């Protein structure tokens, strides 16, 4: 494992199924960085909404979000919500259907962004989500935007759900992703978009390892060049 020599922030944005979570996790392992999965944080608070049967814009949900504690363990593989492991719950179709509605609420986003920025200030980090390069870490040392065709992204997400024994069709997954894309890109507060200075990578025909190698080479070459 290579270690980055100084404090570095790498931010990755992209739509659902573009590969950003897996890529970020592997880069964190390679470079010895803290991995922050911002999408998991919004999924965790969506679990709160579902359990409490709360509307996304309800004051009660916002108060729960303010009071909750979200923690990552095992390089992002384990997500703790108020000390409870919700790693499986946050990836269910029920959460998939509601997370975009929760994530578009400005008060909730503002609270989650504060947590993300606090974590980012504690050391070298790689963070991925939908507004990391534009809102959360606009001054990140490295910015990347990953994308892929809707069909390819749906296939990836279906494989992930099947590994969790979730029964769902490819058509249903593709419809969910298309709907999520529309909501993410058109929401009024911090919509999904590529930062002007982000490096855009189309991952449709690339393996995870190829994308990881591209980003690691970019970061490490820049590190070497700065010395």
C-alpha atoms as a PDB file:
ATOM      1  CA  UNK A   1       0.000   0.000   0.000  1.00  0.00           C
ATOM      2  CA  UNK A   2       1.319   3.409  -0.977  1.00  0.00           C
ATOM      3  CA  UNK A   3       0.879   6.323   1.417  1.00  0.00           C
ATOM      4  CA  UNK A   4       0.179   9.881   0.269  1.00  0.00           C
ATOM      5  CA  UNK A   5       2.865  12.137   1.681  1.00  0.00           C
ATOM      6  CA  UNK A   6       0.728  15.105   2.742  1.00  0.00           C
ATOM      7  CA  UNK A   7      -2.930  15.856   3.512  1.00  0.00           C
ATOM      8  CA  UNK A   8      -4.872  15.297   0.314  1.00  0.00           C
ATOM      9  CA  UNK A   9      -8.569  15.462  -0.535  1.00  0.00           C
ATOM     10  CA  UNK A  10      -9.835  13.442  -3.500  1.00  0.00           C
ATOM     11  CA  UNK A  11     -13.489  14.038  -4.415  1.00  0.00           C
ATOM     12  CA  UNK A  12     -15.473  11.846  -6.809  1.00  0.00           C
ATOM     13  CA  UNK A  13     -18.988  12.543  -8.082  1.00  0.00           C
ATOM     14  CA  UNK A  14     -21.251  10.618 -10.408  1.00  0.00           C
ATOM     15  CA  UNK A  15     -24.690   9.040 -10.840  1.00  0.00           C
ATOM     16  CA  UNK A  16     -25.859   5.755  -9.341  1.00  0.00           C
ATOM     17  CA  UNK A  17     -24.023   2.715 -10.659  1.00  0.00           C
ATOM     18  CA  UNK A  18     -21.104   4.621 -12.186  1.00  0.00           C
ATOM     19  CA  UNK A  19     -18.683   2.654 -10.013  1.00  0.00           C
ATOM     20  CA  UNK A  20     -17.625   5.481  -7.745  1.00  0.00           C
ATOM     21  CA  UNK A  21     -18.151   3.611  -4.450  1.00  0.00           C
ATOM     22  CA  UNK A  22     -16.063   0.586  -5.405  1.00  0.00           C
ATOM     23  CA  UNK A  23     -13.422   2.760  -7.042  1.00  0.00           C
ATOM     24  CA  UNK A  24     -13.146   5.065  -4.032  1.00  0.00           C
ATOM     25  CA  UNK A  25     -12.897   2.154  -1.596  1.00  0.00           C
ATOM     26  CA  UNK A  26     -10.083   0.491  -3.553  1.00  0.00           C
ATOM     27  CA  UNK A  27      -8.185   3.754  -3.916  1.00  0.00           C
ATOM     28  CA  UNK A  28      -8.513   4.319  -0.173  1.00  0.00           C
ATOM     29  CA  UNK A  29      -6.871   0.929   0.379  1.00  0.00           C
ATOM     30  CA  UNK A  30      -4.104   1.579  -2.141  1.00  0.00           C
ATOM     31  CA  UNK A  31      -3.189   5.049  -0.925  1.00  0.00           C
ATOM     32  CA  UNK A  32      -3.950   4.726   2.762  1.00  0.00           C
ATOM     33  CA  UNK A  33      -6.791   7.266   2.747  1.00  0.00           C
ATOM     34  CA  UNK A  34      -9.944   7.552   4.827  1.00  0.00           C
ATOM     35  CA  UNK A  35     -12.954   6.582   2.687  1.00  0.00           C
ATOM     36  CA  UNK A  36     -16.148   8.630   3.003  1.00  0.00           C
ATOM     37  CA  UNK A  37     -19.270   7.290   1.273  1.00  0.00           C
ATOM     38  CA  UNK A  38     -21.578  10.308   1.261  1.00  0.00           C
ATOM     39  CA  UNK A  39     -24.424   8.406  -0.388  1.00  0.00           C
ATOM     40  CA  UNK A  40     -24.455   5.947   2.492  1.00  0.00           C
ATOM     41  CA  UNK A  41     -25.060   8.849   4.876  1.00  0.00           C
ATOM     42  CA  UNK A  42     -28.192   9.906   2.979  1.00  0.00           C
ATOM     43  CA  UNK A  43     -29.303   6.284   2.776  1.00  0.00           C
ATOM     44  CA  UNK A  44     -28.856   5.936   6.535  1.00  0.00           C
ATOM     45  CA  UNK A  45     -31.123   8.889   7.274  1.00  0.00           C
ATOM     46  CA  UNK A  46     -33.601   7.465   4.752  1.00  0.00           C
ATOM     47  CA  UNK A  47     -33.748   4.399   6.993  1.00  0.00           C
ATOM     48  CA  UNK A  48     -34.790   6.766   9.797  1.00  0.00           C
ATOM     49  CA  UNK A  49     -37.575   8.127   7.585  1.00  0.00           C
ATOM     50  CA  UNK A  50     -38.843   4.667   6.649  1.00  0.00           C
ATOM     51  CA  UNK A  51     -38.756   3.334  10.194  1.00  0.00           C
ATOM     52  CA  UNK A  52     -40.527   6.384  11.567  1.00  0.00           C
ATOM     53  CA  UNK A  53     -42.971   6.571   8.644  1.00  0.00           C
ATOM     54  CA  UNK A  54     -41.881  10.174   8.237  1.00  0.00           C
ATOM     55  CA  UNK A  55     -42.154  12.435   5.200  1.00  0.00           C
ATOM     56  CA  UNK A  56     -38.832  13.586   3.773  1.00  0.00           C
ATOM     57  CA  UNK A  57     -39.562  17.190   4.691  1.00  0.00           C
ATOM     58  CA  UNK A  58     -40.990  16.537   8.154  1.00  0.00           C
ATOM     59  CA  UNK A  59     -39.510  18.520  11.075  1.00  0.00           C
ATOM     60  CA  UNK A  60     -39.332  15.299  13.099  1.00  0.00           C
ATOM     61  CA  UNK A  61     -37.038  13.678  10.521  1.00  0.00           C
ATOM     62  CA  UNK A  62     -34.810  16.750  10.437  1.00  0.00           C
ATOM     63  CA  UNK A  63     -34.473  16.652  14.227  1.00  0.00           C
ATOM     64  CA  UNK A  64     -33.510  12.967  14.046  1.00  0.00           C
ATOM     65  CA  UNK A  65     -30.906  13.729  11.383  1.00  0.00           C
ATOM     66  CA  UNK A  66     -29.400  16.466  13.547  1.00  0.00           C
ATOM     67  CA  UNK A  67     -29.194  14.135  16.534  1.00  0.00           C
ATOM     68  CA  UNK A  68     -28.023  10.953  14.805  1.00  0.00           C
ATOM     69  CA  UNK A  69     -24.473   9.643  14.619  1.00  0.00           C
ATOM     70  CA  UNK A  70     -23.193   7.999  11.430  1.00  0.00           C
ATOM     71  CA  UNK A  71     -19.898   6.134  11.408  1.00  0.00           C
ATOM     72  CA  UNK A  72     -17.923   4.195   8.804  1.00  0.00           C
ATOM     73  CA  UNK A  73     -15.949   1.077   9.695  1.00  0.00           C
ATOM     74  CA  UNK A  74     -13.962  -1.531   7.775  1.00  0.00           C
ATOM     75  CA  UNK A  75     -12.996   0.877   4.981  1.00  0.00           C
ATOM     76  CA  UNK A  76     -16.584   1.918   4.377  1.00  0.00           C
ATOM     77  CA  UNK A  77     -18.018  -1.589   4.156  1.00  0.00           C
ATOM     78  CA  UNK A  78     -19.838  -1.245   7.477  1.00  0.00           C
ATOM     79  CA  UNK A  79     -22.210   1.679   8.110  1.00  0.00           C
ATOM     80  CA  UNK A  80     -23.284   2.366  11.682  1.00  0.00           C
ATOM     81  CA  UNK A  81     -26.366   4.465  12.392  1.00  0.00           C
ATOM     82  CA  UNK A  82     -26.520   5.326  16.077  1.00  0.00           C
ATOM     83  CA  UNK A  83     -24.164   2.373  16.708  1.00  0.00           C
ATOM     84  CA  UNK A  84     -26.407  -0.046  14.714  1.00  0.00           C
ATOM     85  CA  UNK A  85     -25.056  -1.795  11.631  1.00  0.00           C
ATOM     86  CA  UNK A  86     -27.397  -0.802   8.784  1.00  0.00           C
ATOM     87  CA  UNK A  87     -25.096  -1.827   5.927  1.00  0.00           C
ATOM     88  CA  UNK A  88     -27.692  -4.144   4.388  1.00  0.00           C
ATOM     89  CA  UNK A  89     -30.755  -2.011   5.098  1.00  0.00           C
ATOM     90  CA  UNK A  90     -29.417   1.019   3.238  1.00  0.00           C
ATOM     91  CA  UNK A  91     -29.090  -0.951  -0.022  1.00  0.00           C
ATOM     92  CA  UNK A  92     -32.661  -2.267  -0.193  1.00  0.00           C
ATOM     93  CA  UNK A  93     -35.152  -1.301  -2.930  1.00  0.00           C
ATOM     94  CA  UNK A  94     -37.264   0.516  -0.308  1.00  0.00           C
ATOM     95  CA  UNK A  95     -34.362   2.845   0.441  1.00  0.00           C
ATOM     96  CA  UNK A  96     -33.520   3.150  -3.264  1.00  0.00           C
ATOM     97  CA  UNK A  97     -37.012   4.465  -3.923  1.00  0.00           C
ATOM     98  CA  UNK A  98     -36.980   7.093  -1.170  1.00  0.00           C
ATOM     99  CA  UNK A  99     -33.390   8.273  -0.825  1.00  0.00           C
ATOM    100  CA  UNK A 100     -33.583  10.876  -3.608  1.00  0.00           C
ATOM    101  CA  UNK A 101     -36.585  12.524  -1.954  1.00  0.00           C
ATOM    102  CA  UNK A 102     -34.783  12.661   1.388  1.00  0.00           C
ATOM    103  CA  UNK A 103     -31.510  13.829  -0.123  1.00  0.00           C
ATOM    104  CA  UNK A 104     -33.101  16.781  -1.904  1.00  0.00           C
ATOM    105  CA  UNK A 105     -34.251  18.438   1.332  1.00  0.00           C
ATOM    106  CA  UNK A 106     -31.943  21.471   1.886  1.00  0.00           C
ATOM    107  CA  UNK A 107     -32.004  21.241   5.693  1.00  0.00           C
ATOM    108  CA  UNK A 108     -30.960  17.603   5.607  1.00  0.00           C
ATOM    109  CA  UNK A 109     -28.233  18.225   3.042  1.00  0.00           C
ATOM    110  CA  UNK A 110     -26.877  21.140   5.070  1.00  0.00           C
ATOM    111  CA  UNK A 111     -26.578  18.946   8.171  1.00  0.00           C
ATOM    112  CA  UNK A 112     -24.934  16.057   6.316  1.00  0.00           C
ATOM    113  CA  UNK A 113     -22.474  18.398   4.569  1.00  0.00           C
ATOM    114  CA  UNK A 114     -21.323  19.702   7.958  1.00  0.00           C
ATOM    115  CA  UNK A 115     -20.512  16.146   9.035  1.00  0.00           C
ATOM    116  CA  UNK A 116     -18.674  15.463   5.769  1.00  0.00           C
ATOM    117  CA  UNK A 117     -16.554  18.591   6.001  1.00  0.00           C
ATOM    118  CA  UNK A 118     -15.646  17.814   9.597  1.00  0.00           C
ATOM    119  CA  UNK A 119     -14.456  14.348   8.587  1.00  0.00           C
ATOM    120  CA  UNK A 120     -12.556  15.799   5.628  1.00  0.00           C
ATOM    121  CA  UNK A 121     -10.689  18.191   7.873  1.00  0.00           C
ATOM    122  CA  UNK A 122      -9.251  15.388   9.983  1.00  0.00           C
ATOM    123  CA  UNK A 123      -6.760  14.062   7.404  1.00  0.00           C
ATOM    124  CA  UNK A 124      -6.260  12.699   3.910  1.00  0.00           C
ATOM    125  CA  UNK A 125      -9.541  11.478   2.485  1.00  0.00           C
ATOM    126  CA  UNK A 126     -11.254  10.144  -0.606  1.00  0.00           C
ATOM    127  CA  UNK A 127     -14.947  11.007  -0.702  1.00  0.00           C
ATOM    128  CA  UNK A 128     -17.599  10.122  -3.259  1.00  0.00           C
ATOM    129  CA  UNK A 129     -21.169  11.165  -3.874  1.00  0.00           C
ATOM    130  CA  UNK A 130     -23.131  13.615  -5.982  1.00  0.00           C
ATOM    131  CA  UNK A 131     -22.042  17.052  -4.774  1.00  0.00           C
ATOM    132  CA  UNK A 132     -18.585  16.395  -3.338  1.00  0.00           C
ATOM    133  CA  UNK A 133     -16.679  18.287  -6.052  1.00  0.00           C
ATOM    134  CA  UNK A 134     -19.144  21.176  -6.255  1.00  0.00           C
ATOM    135  CA  UNK A 135     -20.490  21.791  -2.724  1.00  0.00           C
ATOM    136  CA  UNK A 136     -18.792  19.742  -0.013  1.00  0.00           C
ATOM    137  CA  UNK A 137     -15.156  19.945  -1.117  1.00  0.00           C
ATOM    138  CA  UNK A 138     -14.997  22.656  -3.806  1.00  0.00           C
ATOM    139  CA  UNK A 139     -11.282  23.107  -3.082  1.00  0.00           C
ATOM    140  CA  UNK A 140     -10.413  19.403  -3.255  1.00  0.00           C
ATOM    141  CA  UNK A 141      -6.921  18.640  -4.537  1.00  0.00           C
ATOM    142  CA  UNK A 142      -8.323  16.214  -7.103  1.00  0.00           C
ATOM    143  CA  UNK A 143     -11.813  16.088  -8.608  1.00  0.00           C
ATOM    144  CA  UNK A 144     -13.252  13.312 -10.747  1.00  0.00           C
ATOM    145  CA  UNK A 145     -16.678  12.705 -12.273  1.00  0.00           C
ATOM    146  CA  UNK A 146     -17.510   9.095 -13.171  1.00  0.00           C
ATOM    147  CA  UNK A 147     -20.315   8.228 -15.569  1.00  0.00           C
ATOM    148  CA  UNK A 148     -21.598   5.277 -17.598  1.00  0.00           C
ATOM    149  CA  UNK A 149     -24.596   4.373 -19.737  1.00  0.00           C
ATOM    150  CA  UNK A 150     -27.881   3.797 -17.922  1.00  0.00           C
ATOM    151  CA  UNK A 151     -28.006   0.186 -19.107  1.00  0.00           C
ATOM    152  CA  UNK A 152     -24.513  -0.572 -17.842  1.00  0.00           C
ATOM    153  CA  UNK A 153     -25.209   1.089 -14.508  1.00  0.00           C
ATOM    154  CA  UNK A 154     -28.440  -0.899 -14.118  1.00  0.00           C
ATOM    155  CA  UNK A 155     -26.593  -4.162 -14.771  1.00  0.00           C
ATOM    156  CA  UNK A 156     -24.027  -3.299 -12.098  1.00  0.00           C
ATOM    157  CA  UNK A 157     -26.669  -2.402  -9.543  1.00  0.00           C
ATOM    158  CA  UNK A 158     -28.680  -5.560 -10.351  1.00  0.00           C
ATOM    159  CA  UNK A 159     -25.599  -7.716  -9.727  1.00  0.00           C
ATOM    160  CA  UNK A 160     -25.077  -5.969  -6.403  1.00  0.00           C
ATOM    161  CA  UNK A 161     -28.691  -6.557  -5.347  1.00  0.00           C
ATOM    162  CA  UNK A 162     -28.592 -10.190  -6.448  1.00  0.00           C
ATOM    163  CA  UNK A 163     -25.553 -10.755  -4.244  1.00  0.00           C
ATOM    164  CA  UNK A 164     -27.748  -9.539  -1.384  1.00  0.00           C
ATOM    165  CA  UNK A 165     -30.520 -11.969  -2.458  1.00  0.00           C
ATOM    166  CA  UNK A 166     -32.825  -9.094  -3.414  1.00  0.00           C
ATOM    167  CA  UNK A 167     -35.319 -10.154  -6.077  1.00  0.00           C
ATOM    168  CA  UNK A 168     -35.761  -7.454  -8.731  1.00  0.00           C
ATOM    169  CA  UNK A 169     -35.689  -7.262 -12.531  1.00  0.00           C
ATOM    170  CA  UNK A 170     -33.203  -5.410 -14.702  1.00  0.00           C
ATOM    171  CA  UNK A 171     -36.041  -3.287 -16.099  1.00  0.00           C
ATOM    172  CA  UNK A 172     -37.085  -2.257 -12.596  1.00  0.00           C
ATOM    173  CA  UNK A 173     -33.515  -1.346 -11.638  1.00  0.00           C
ATOM    174  CA  UNK A 174     -33.059   0.664 -14.834  1.00  0.00           C
ATOM    175  CA  UNK A 175     -36.315   2.524 -14.163  1.00  0.00           C
ATOM    176  CA  UNK A 176     -35.188   3.322 -10.598  1.00  0.00           C
ATOM    177  CA  UNK A 177     -31.811   4.596 -11.809  1.00  0.00           C
ATOM    178  CA  UNK A 178     -33.395   6.750 -14.521  1.00  0.00           C
ATOM    179  CA  UNK A 179     -35.773   8.245 -11.976  1.00  0.00           C
ATOM    180  CA  UNK A 180     -32.922   8.834  -9.513  1.00  0.00           C
ATOM    181  CA  UNK A 181     -30.830  10.539 -12.209  1.00  0.00           C
ATOM    182  CA  UNK A 182     -33.669  12.915 -13.024  1.00  0.00           C
ATOM    183  CA  UNK A 183     -34.238  13.809  -9.387  1.00  0.00           C
ATOM    184  CA  UNK A 184     -30.527  14.263  -8.670  1.00  0.00           C
ATOM    185  CA  UNK A 185     -29.867  16.454 -11.695  1.00  0.00           C
ATOM    186  CA  UNK A 186     -32.941  18.671 -11.358  1.00  0.00           C
ATOM    187  CA  UNK A 187     -33.172  19.237  -7.608  1.00  0.00           C
ATOM    188  CA  UNK A 188     -32.916  22.881  -6.619  1.00  0.00           C
ATOM    189  CA  UNK A 189     -30.287  22.383  -3.916  1.00  0.00           C
ATOM    190  CA  UNK A 190     -26.805  21.088  -4.967  1.00  0.00           C
ATOM    191  CA  UNK A 191     -27.865  19.135  -8.073  1.00  0.00           C
ATOM    192  CA  UNK A 192     -25.684  16.412  -9.547  1.00  0.00           C
ATOM    193  CA  UNK A 193     -23.263  17.857 -12.089  1.00  0.00           C
ATOM    194  CA  UNK A 194     -19.595  17.690 -12.977  1.00  0.00           C
ATOM    195  CA  UNK A 195     -17.486  20.478 -11.478  1.00  0.00           C
ATOM    196  CA  UNK A 196     -15.915  22.703 -14.114  1.00  0.00           C
ATOM    197  CA  UNK A 197     -12.430  21.520 -13.138  1.00  0.00           C
ATOM    198  CA  UNK A 198     -13.286  17.835 -12.653  1.00  0.00           C
ATOM    199  CA  UNK A 199     -11.714  15.086 -14.751  1.00  0.00           C
ATOM    200  CA  UNK A 200     -14.589  13.213 -16.442  1.00  0.00           C
ATOM    201  CA  UNK A 201     -14.227   9.441 -16.862  1.00  0.00           C
ATOM    202  CA  UNK A 202     -16.739   7.295 -18.786  1.00  0.00           C
ATOM    203  CA  UNK A 203     -16.582   3.886 -17.108  1.00  0.00           C
ATOM    204  CA  UNK A 204     -19.030   2.060 -19.419  1.00  0.00           C
ATOM    205  CA  UNK A 205     -16.332  -0.046 -21.090  1.00  0.00           C
ATOM    206  CA  UNK A 206     -13.739   0.104 -18.309  1.00  0.00           C
ATOM    207  CA  UNK A 207     -13.122  -2.344 -15.508  1.00  0.00           C
ATOM    208  CA  UNK A 208     -12.956  -1.151 -11.914  1.00  0.00           C
ATOM    209  CA  UNK A 209      -9.207  -1.799 -11.890  1.00  0.00           C
ATOM    210  CA  UNK A 210      -8.704   0.329 -14.999  1.00  0.00           C
ATOM    211  CA  UNK A 211     -10.531   3.273 -13.435  1.00  0.00           C
ATOM    212  CA  UNK A 212      -8.652   2.845 -10.145  1.00  0.00           C
ATOM    213  CA  UNK A 213      -5.314   2.780 -11.958  1.00  0.00           C
ATOM    214  CA  UNK A 214      -6.168   5.938 -13.914  1.00  0.00           C
ATOM    215  CA  UNK A 215      -7.057   7.896 -10.794  1.00  0.00           C
ATOM    216  CA  UNK A 216      -4.136   6.583  -8.737  1.00  0.00           C
ATOM    217  CA  UNK A 217      -1.715   7.482 -11.533  1.00  0.00           C
ATOM    218  CA  UNK A 218      -3.171  10.995 -11.752  1.00  0.00           C
ATOM    219  CA  UNK A 219      -2.860  11.537  -7.997  1.00  0.00           C
ATOM    220  CA  UNK A 220       0.571   9.987  -7.576  1.00  0.00           C
ATOM    221  CA  UNK A 221       2.083  11.712 -10.618  1.00  0.00           C
ATOM    222  CA  UNK A 222       0.828  15.044  -9.312  1.00  0.00           C
ATOM    223  CA  UNK A 223       2.243  14.249  -5.868  1.00  0.00           C
ATOM    224  CA  UNK A 224       5.616  13.433  -7.390  1.00  0.00           C
ATOM    225  CA  UNK A 225       5.535  16.528  -9.558  1.00  0.00           C
ATOM    226  CA  UNK A 226       4.834  18.773  -6.587  1.00  0.00           C
ATOM    227  CA  UNK A 227       7.937  17.680  -4.679  1.00  0.00           C
END
